[in-house]
Amino acid sequence: MAHLANAAALTARVRRIAGQLASVERALTDATDCADVLQQVAAVRGAVNGLMDEILEAHLREHVAAPELEADARQQGADELIAAIRRYAK
């Protein structure tokens, strides 16, 4: 996705998510209280949802809504977006 202008910020976000997941792993290994682990997992889910939102928006703007796109390119971008949303919603 070369069109992601904020790739460095997204990469930093992914690294934070990886850190959160490592924290969940440590919590499971250390037999941390399940309520605390649930809260950590919920935080990871929220972070991944935020990441997905940003990438979906970038794809939509670049591959579906950009005024200079040809009809075939716009349709392909829409099809890709629909497929990603369907996979994500499962």
N, C-alpha and C. Protein backbone atom coordinates (compact mmCIF):
# COMPACT_ATOMS: atom_id res chain seq x y z
N MET A 1 0.84 -1.18 0.00
CA MET A 1 0.00 0.00 0.00
C MET A 1 0.88 1.24 0.00
N ALA A 2 1.49 1.49 -1.12
CA ALA A 2 2.42 2.59 -1.23
C ALA A 2 1.76 3.94 -1.05
N HIS A 3 0.45 4.01 -1.17
CA HIS A 3 -0.23 5.29 -1.06
C HIS A 3 -0.42 5.76 0.37
N LEU A 4 -0.06 4.95 1.34
CA LEU A 4 -0.23 5.36 2.74
C LEU A 4 0.83 6.40 3.09
N ALA A 5 0.39 7.64 3.13
CA ALA A 5 1.31 8.75 3.39
C ALA A 5 1.85 8.71 4.81
N ASN A 6 1.11 8.13 5.71
CA ASN A 6 1.51 8.10 7.12
C ASN A 6 1.99 6.71 7.53
N ALA A 7 2.72 6.05 6.65
CA ALA A 7 3.19 4.69 6.91
C ALA A 7 4.05 4.62 8.17
N ALA A 8 4.85 5.63 8.43
CA ALA A 8 5.69 5.61 9.64
C ALA A 8 4.83 5.64 10.90
N ALA A 9 3.79 6.43 10.91
CA ALA A 9 2.89 6.48 12.07
C ALA A 9 2.13 5.17 12.22
N LEU A 10 1.72 4.58 11.10
CA LEU A 10 1.02 3.30 11.17
C LEU A 10 1.95 2.20 11.67
N THR A 11 3.20 2.24 11.23
CA THR A 11 4.18 1.26 11.69
C THR A 11 4.41 1.39 13.19
N ALA A 12 4.50 2.61 13.67
CA ALA A 12 4.65 2.84 15.11
C ALA A 12 3.44 2.30 15.86
N ARG A 13 2.28 2.47 15.27
CA ARG A 13 1.05 1.97 15.89
C ARG A 13 1.08 0.44 15.98
N VAL A 14 1.54 -0.20 14.90
CA VAL A 14 1.66 -1.66 14.89
C VAL A 14 2.63 -2.12 15.98
N ARG A 15 3.71 -1.40 16.15
CA ARG A 15 4.69 -1.77 17.19
C ARG A 15 4.08 -1.64 18.59
N ARG A 16 3.26 -0.62 18.79
CA ARG A 16 2.57 -0.49 20.09
C ARG A 16 1.61 -1.66 20.31
N ILE A 17 0.91 -2.04 19.25
CA ILE A 17 -0.01 -3.18 19.35
C ILE A 17 0.78 -4.45 19.67
N ALA A 18 1.93 -4.62 19.04
CA ALA A 18 2.77 -5.79 19.33
C ALA A 18 3.20 -5.78 20.80
N GLY A 19 3.50 -4.61 21.32
CA GLY A 19 3.84 -4.49 22.74
C GLY A 19 2.67 -4.86 23.63
N GLN A 20 1.48 -4.44 23.24
CA GLN A 20 0.29 -4.80 24.01
C GLN A 20 0.08 -6.31 24.00
N LEU A 21 0.28 -6.94 22.84
CA LEU A 21 0.12 -8.39 22.76
C LEU A 21 1.17 -9.11 23.60
N ALA A 22 2.38 -8.59 23.60
CA ALA A 22 3.42 -9.18 24.45
C ALA A 22 3.03 -9.08 25.92
N SER A 23 2.40 -7.99 26.29
CA SER A 23 1.92 -7.82 27.66
C SER A 23 0.83 -8.82 27.99
N VAL A 24 -0.05 -9.10 27.04
CA VAL A 24 -1.08 -10.12 27.25
C VAL A 24 -0.42 -11.48 27.45
N GLU A 25 0.57 -11.78 26.63
CA GLU A 25 1.28 -13.06 26.76
C GLU A 25 1.92 -13.19 28.13
N ARG A 26 2.58 -12.12 28.59
CA ARG A 26 3.20 -12.15 29.92
C ARG A 26 2.14 -12.34 31.00
N ALA A 27 1.02 -11.69 30.85
CA ALA A 27 -0.06 -11.81 31.83
C ALA A 27 -0.56 -13.24 31.90
N LEU A 28 -0.67 -13.90 30.77
CA LEU A 28 -1.12 -15.29 30.76
C LEU A 28 -0.07 -16.21 31.38
N THR A 29 1.18 -15.95 31.08
CA THR A 29 2.27 -16.76 31.64
C THR A 29 2.38 -16.57 33.14
N ASP A 30 2.15 -15.35 33.61
CA ASP A 30 2.28 -15.03 35.03
C ASP A 30 1.00 -15.30 35.81
N ALA A 31 0.00 -15.89 35.17
CA ALA A 31 -1.28 -16.19 35.81
C ALA A 31 -1.94 -14.95 36.41
N THR A 32 -1.91 -13.86 35.65
CA THR A 32 -2.55 -12.62 36.06
C THR A 32 -4.05 -12.83 36.15
N ASP A 33 -4.70 -12.07 37.01
CA ASP A 33 -6.15 -12.16 37.18
C ASP A 33 -6.84 -12.03 35.82
N CYS A 34 -7.85 -12.87 35.59
CA CYS A 34 -8.49 -12.91 34.28
C CYS A 34 -9.16 -11.58 33.92
N ALA A 35 -9.67 -10.86 34.89
CA ALA A 35 -10.29 -9.56 34.59
C ALA A 35 -9.26 -8.60 34.00
N ASP A 36 -8.05 -8.63 34.53
CA ASP A 36 -6.98 -7.78 34.00
C ASP A 36 -6.60 -8.19 32.58
N VAL A 37 -6.55 -9.50 32.34
CA VAL A 37 -6.21 -9.99 31.00
C VAL A 37 -7.31 -9.59 30.01
N LEU A 38 -8.55 -9.71 30.42
CA LEU A 38 -9.66 -9.31 29.55
C LEU A 38 -9.55 -7.84 29.18
N GLN A 39 -9.19 -7.01 30.13
CA GLN A 39 -9.04 -5.58 29.85
C GLN A 39 -7.90 -5.35 28.86
N GLN A 40 -6.81 -6.07 29.02
CA GLN A 40 -5.68 -5.93 28.09
C GLN A 40 -6.08 -6.37 26.68
N VAL A 41 -6.81 -7.48 26.59
CA VAL A 41 -7.25 -7.98 25.28
C VAL A 41 -8.20 -6.97 24.63
N ALA A 42 -9.09 -6.38 25.41
CA ALA A 42 -10.01 -5.37 24.89
C ALA A 42 -9.23 -4.17 24.36
N ALA A 43 -8.16 -3.80 25.05
CA ALA A 43 -7.33 -2.68 24.59
C ALA A 43 -6.65 -3.01 23.26
N VAL A 44 -6.18 -4.25 23.13
CA VAL A 44 -5.56 -4.67 21.87
C VAL A 44 -6.59 -4.62 20.75
N ARG A 45 -7.77 -5.12 21.03
CA ARG A 45 -8.83 -5.10 20.01
C ARG A 45 -9.14 -3.67 19.58
N GLY A 46 -9.25 -2.76 20.52
CA GLY A 46 -9.50 -1.36 20.19
C GLY A 46 -8.39 -0.77 19.34
N ALA A 47 -7.15 -1.11 19.67
CA ALA A 47 -6.02 -0.61 18.91
C ALA A 47 -6.02 -1.15 17.48
N VAL A 48 -6.32 -2.42 17.32
CA VAL A 48 -6.38 -3.03 15.99
C VAL A 48 -7.54 -2.42 15.20
N ASN A 49 -8.67 -2.20 15.85
CA ASN A 49 -9.81 -1.56 15.18
C ASN A 49 -9.43 -0.17 14.68
N GLY A 50 -8.73 0.59 15.49
CA GLY A 50 -8.28 1.93 15.08
C GLY A 50 -7.35 1.87 13.88
N LEU A 51 -6.43 0.91 13.89
CA LEU A 51 -5.51 0.73 12.78
C LEU A 51 -6.28 0.37 11.51
N MET A 52 -7.21 -0.55 11.65
CA MET A 52 -8.03 -0.96 10.50
C MET A 52 -8.82 0.23 9.95
N ASP A 53 -9.38 1.04 10.83
CA ASP A 53 -10.14 2.23 10.40
C ASP A 53 -9.28 3.15 9.53
N GLU A 54 -8.07 3.40 9.97
CA GLU A 54 -7.18 4.31 9.22
C GLU A 54 -6.83 3.75 7.85
N ILE A 55 -6.54 2.46 7.80
CA ILE A 55 -6.15 1.85 6.52
C ILE A 55 -7.35 1.76 5.59
N LEU A 56 -8.52 1.42 6.13
CA LEU A 56 -9.73 1.39 5.31
C LEU A 56 -10.02 2.77 4.71
N GLU A 57 -9.90 3.79 5.54
CA GLU A 57 -10.15 5.15 5.06
C GLU A 57 -9.17 5.52 3.95
N ALA A 58 -7.90 5.20 4.14
CA ALA A 58 -6.90 5.51 3.11
C ALA A 58 -7.22 4.79 1.80
N HIS A 59 -7.61 3.53 1.91
CA HIS A 59 -7.96 2.76 0.71
C HIS A 59 -9.17 3.37 0.01
N LEU A 60 -10.18 3.71 0.80
CA LEU A 60 -11.39 4.30 0.24
C LEU A 60 -11.08 5.60 -0.50
N ARG A 61 -10.31 6.46 0.13
CA ARG A 61 -9.99 7.74 -0.49
C ARG A 61 -9.14 7.59 -1.75
N GLU A 62 -8.19 6.66 -1.72
CA GLU A 62 -7.24 6.51 -2.82
C GLU A 62 -7.76 5.64 -3.95
N HIS A 63 -8.53 4.59 -3.64
CA HIS A 63 -8.90 3.60 -4.65
C HIS A 63 -10.38 3.55 -4.98
N VAL A 64 -11.19 4.36 -4.32
CA VAL A 64 -12.62 4.37 -4.62
C VAL A 64 -13.12 5.79 -4.88
N ALA A 65 -12.76 6.71 -4.02
CA ALA A 65 -13.33 8.06 -4.09
C ALA A 65 -12.50 9.07 -4.85
N ALA A 66 -11.29 8.73 -5.23
CA ALA A 66 -10.44 9.69 -5.94
C ALA A 66 -11.07 10.04 -7.29
N PRO A 67 -11.27 11.32 -7.57
CA PRO A 67 -11.98 11.73 -8.78
C PRO A 67 -11.29 11.34 -10.09
N GLU A 68 -9.99 11.16 -10.06
CA GLU A 68 -9.26 10.86 -11.30
C GLU A 68 -9.30 9.38 -11.69
N LEU A 69 -9.91 8.53 -10.88
CA LEU A 69 -9.93 7.09 -11.16
C LEU A 69 -10.84 6.76 -12.34
N GLU A 70 -10.40 5.79 -13.12
CA GLU A 70 -11.24 5.22 -14.18
C GLU A 70 -12.27 4.31 -13.53
N ALA A 71 -13.34 4.04 -14.22
CA ALA A 71 -14.43 3.21 -13.67
C ALA A 71 -13.94 1.83 -13.25
N ASP A 72 -13.09 1.20 -14.07
CA ASP A 72 -12.59 -0.14 -13.73
C ASP A 72 -11.74 -0.12 -12.46
N ALA A 73 -10.89 0.88 -12.32
CA ALA A 73 -10.05 1.00 -11.13
C ALA A 73 -10.90 1.27 -9.90
N ARG A 74 -11.91 2.10 -10.05
CA ARG A 74 -12.82 2.41 -8.94
C ARG A 74 -13.57 1.15 -8.51
N GLN A 75 -14.03 0.35 -9.48
CA GLN A 75 -14.74 -0.89 -9.17
C GLN A 75 -13.82 -1.88 -8.47
N GLN A 76 -12.58 -1.99 -8.93
CA GLN A 76 -11.62 -2.88 -8.29
C GLN A 76 -11.37 -2.45 -6.85
N GLY A 77 -11.19 -1.15 -6.64
CA GLY A 77 -10.97 -0.64 -5.29
C GLY A 77 -12.16 -0.92 -4.38
N ALA A 78 -13.37 -0.75 -4.92
CA ALA A 78 -14.57 -1.03 -4.14
C ALA A 78 -14.67 -2.51 -3.81
N ASP A 79 -14.36 -3.37 -4.78
CA ASP A 79 -14.40 -4.82 -4.54
C ASP A 79 -13.40 -5.23 -3.47
N GLU A 80 -12.20 -4.64 -3.52
CA GLU A 80 -11.19 -4.94 -2.50
C GLU A 80 -11.65 -4.49 -1.12
N LEU A 81 -12.27 -3.32 -1.07
CA LEU A 81 -12.76 -2.80 0.19
C LEU A 81 -13.87 -3.68 0.76
N ILE A 82 -14.79 -4.10 -0.08
CA ILE A 82 -15.88 -4.98 0.36
C ILE A 82 -15.32 -6.29 0.88
N ALA A 83 -14.37 -6.87 0.17
CA ALA A 83 -13.77 -8.13 0.61
C ALA A 83 -13.07 -7.97 1.96
N ALA A 84 -12.35 -6.86 2.15
CA ALA A 84 -11.65 -6.64 3.42
C ALA A 84 -12.65 -6.47 4.55
N ILE A 85 -13.72 -5.73 4.32
CA ILE A 85 -14.73 -5.53 5.37
C ILE A 85 -15.40 -6.85 5.72
N ARG A 86 -15.70 -7.65 4.72
CA ARG A 86 -16.32 -8.96 5.00
C ARG A 86 -15.40 -9.84 5.83
N ARG A 87 -14.13 -9.89 5.48
CA ARG A 87 -13.18 -10.70 6.26
C ARG A 87 -13.05 -10.18 7.67
N TYR A 88 -13.02 -8.87 7.82
CA TYR A 88 -12.84 -8.26 9.13
C TYR A 88 -14.07 -8.45 10.02
N ALA A 89 -15.23 -8.50 9.40
CA ALA A 89 -16.48 -8.60 10.17
C ALA A 89 -16.74 -10.02 10.68
N LYS A 90 -16.01 -10.99 10.21
CA LYS A 90 -16.23 -12.38 10.65
C LYS A 90 -15.78 -12.60 12.06
